[in-house]
Amino acid sequence: MKYNVIPSFYIKGIIRTEEGKYYINATYT
């Protein structure tokens, strides 16, 4: 699942896509 803007200090394992969106890296769950 993709999220628009998520502060990196809220969730670890976030990856920023080229589109400027963020999504949670499943390996960190």
N, C-alpha and C. Protein backbone atom coordinates (compact mmCIF):
# COMPACT_ATOMS: atom_id res chain seq x y z
N MET A 1 0.85 -1.20 0.00
CA MET A 1 0.00 0.00 0.00
C MET A 1 0.89 1.25 0.00
N LYS A 2 0.45 2.24 -0.71
CA LYS A 2 1.23 3.47 -0.80
C LYS A 2 0.57 4.58 0.02
N TYR A 3 1.40 5.45 0.54
CA TYR A 3 0.89 6.57 1.31
C TYR A 3 1.44 7.86 0.71
N ASN A 4 0.69 8.92 0.80
CA ASN A 4 1.12 10.17 0.20
C ASN A 4 2.32 10.76 0.94
N VAL A 5 2.10 11.29 2.12
CA VAL A 5 3.21 11.87 2.87
C VAL A 5 3.21 11.33 4.29
N ILE A 6 4.27 10.64 4.64
CA ILE A 6 4.39 10.10 5.99
C ILE A 6 5.74 10.52 6.56
N PRO A 7 5.76 11.24 7.67
CA PRO A 7 7.01 11.62 8.30
C PRO A 7 7.84 10.39 8.64
N SER A 8 9.11 10.42 8.27
CA SER A 8 9.97 9.25 8.46
C SER A 8 10.14 8.92 9.94
N PHE A 9 9.91 9.90 10.82
CA PHE A 9 10.11 9.63 12.24
C PHE A 9 8.92 8.91 12.84
N TYR A 10 7.85 8.74 12.07
CA TYR A 10 6.70 8.00 12.57
C TYR A 10 6.87 6.50 12.33
N ILE A 11 7.33 6.17 11.14
CA ILE A 11 7.43 4.76 10.80
C ILE A 11 8.82 4.46 10.25
N LYS A 12 9.43 3.40 10.76
CA LYS A 12 10.74 2.99 10.25
C LYS A 12 10.54 2.09 9.05
N GLY A 13 11.52 2.06 8.18
CA GLY A 13 11.42 1.18 7.03
C GLY A 13 10.63 1.81 5.90
N ILE A 14 10.60 3.12 5.88
CA ILE A 14 9.86 3.79 4.80
C ILE A 14 10.77 3.95 3.58
N ILE A 15 10.20 3.72 2.43
CA ILE A 15 10.96 3.91 1.19
C ILE A 15 10.29 4.98 0.35
N ARG A 16 11.08 5.89 -0.18
CA ARG A 16 10.53 6.97 -0.99
C ARG A 16 10.63 6.58 -2.46
N THR A 17 9.50 6.65 -3.14
CA THR A 17 9.47 6.28 -4.54
C THR A 17 9.84 7.48 -5.40
N GLU A 18 10.10 7.24 -6.67
CA GLU A 18 10.47 8.32 -7.58
C GLU A 18 9.33 9.32 -7.74
N GLU A 19 8.11 8.85 -7.49
CA GLU A 19 6.94 9.72 -7.63
C GLU A 19 6.81 10.67 -6.45
N GLY A 20 7.68 10.50 -5.46
CA GLY A 20 7.62 11.37 -4.30
C GLY A 20 6.71 10.83 -3.23
N LYS A 21 6.22 9.60 -3.45
CA LYS A 21 5.35 8.99 -2.45
C LYS A 21 6.16 8.07 -1.55
N TYR A 22 5.56 7.67 -0.47
CA TYR A 22 6.24 6.81 0.48
C TYR A 22 5.45 5.52 0.68
N TYR A 23 6.17 4.44 0.92
CA TYR A 23 5.47 3.20 1.28
C TYR A 23 6.31 2.44 2.28
N ILE A 24 5.67 1.62 3.06
CA ILE A 24 6.35 0.89 4.13
C ILE A 24 7.01 -0.35 3.57
N ASN A 25 8.28 -0.50 3.88
CA ASN A 25 9.01 -1.68 3.45
C ASN A 25 8.55 -2.86 4.30
N ALA A 26 8.02 -3.87 3.66
CA ALA A 26 7.45 -5.01 4.37
C ALA A 26 8.49 -5.72 5.22
N THR A 27 9.75 -5.58 4.87
CA THR A 27 10.80 -6.28 5.61
C THR A 27 10.98 -5.67 7.00
N TYR A 28 10.41 -4.50 7.24
CA TYR A 28 10.55 -3.86 8.53
C TYR A 28 9.36 -4.11 9.43
N THR A 29 8.34 -4.77 8.91
CA THR A 29 7.15 -5.00 9.72
C THR A 29 7.38 -6.13 10.70
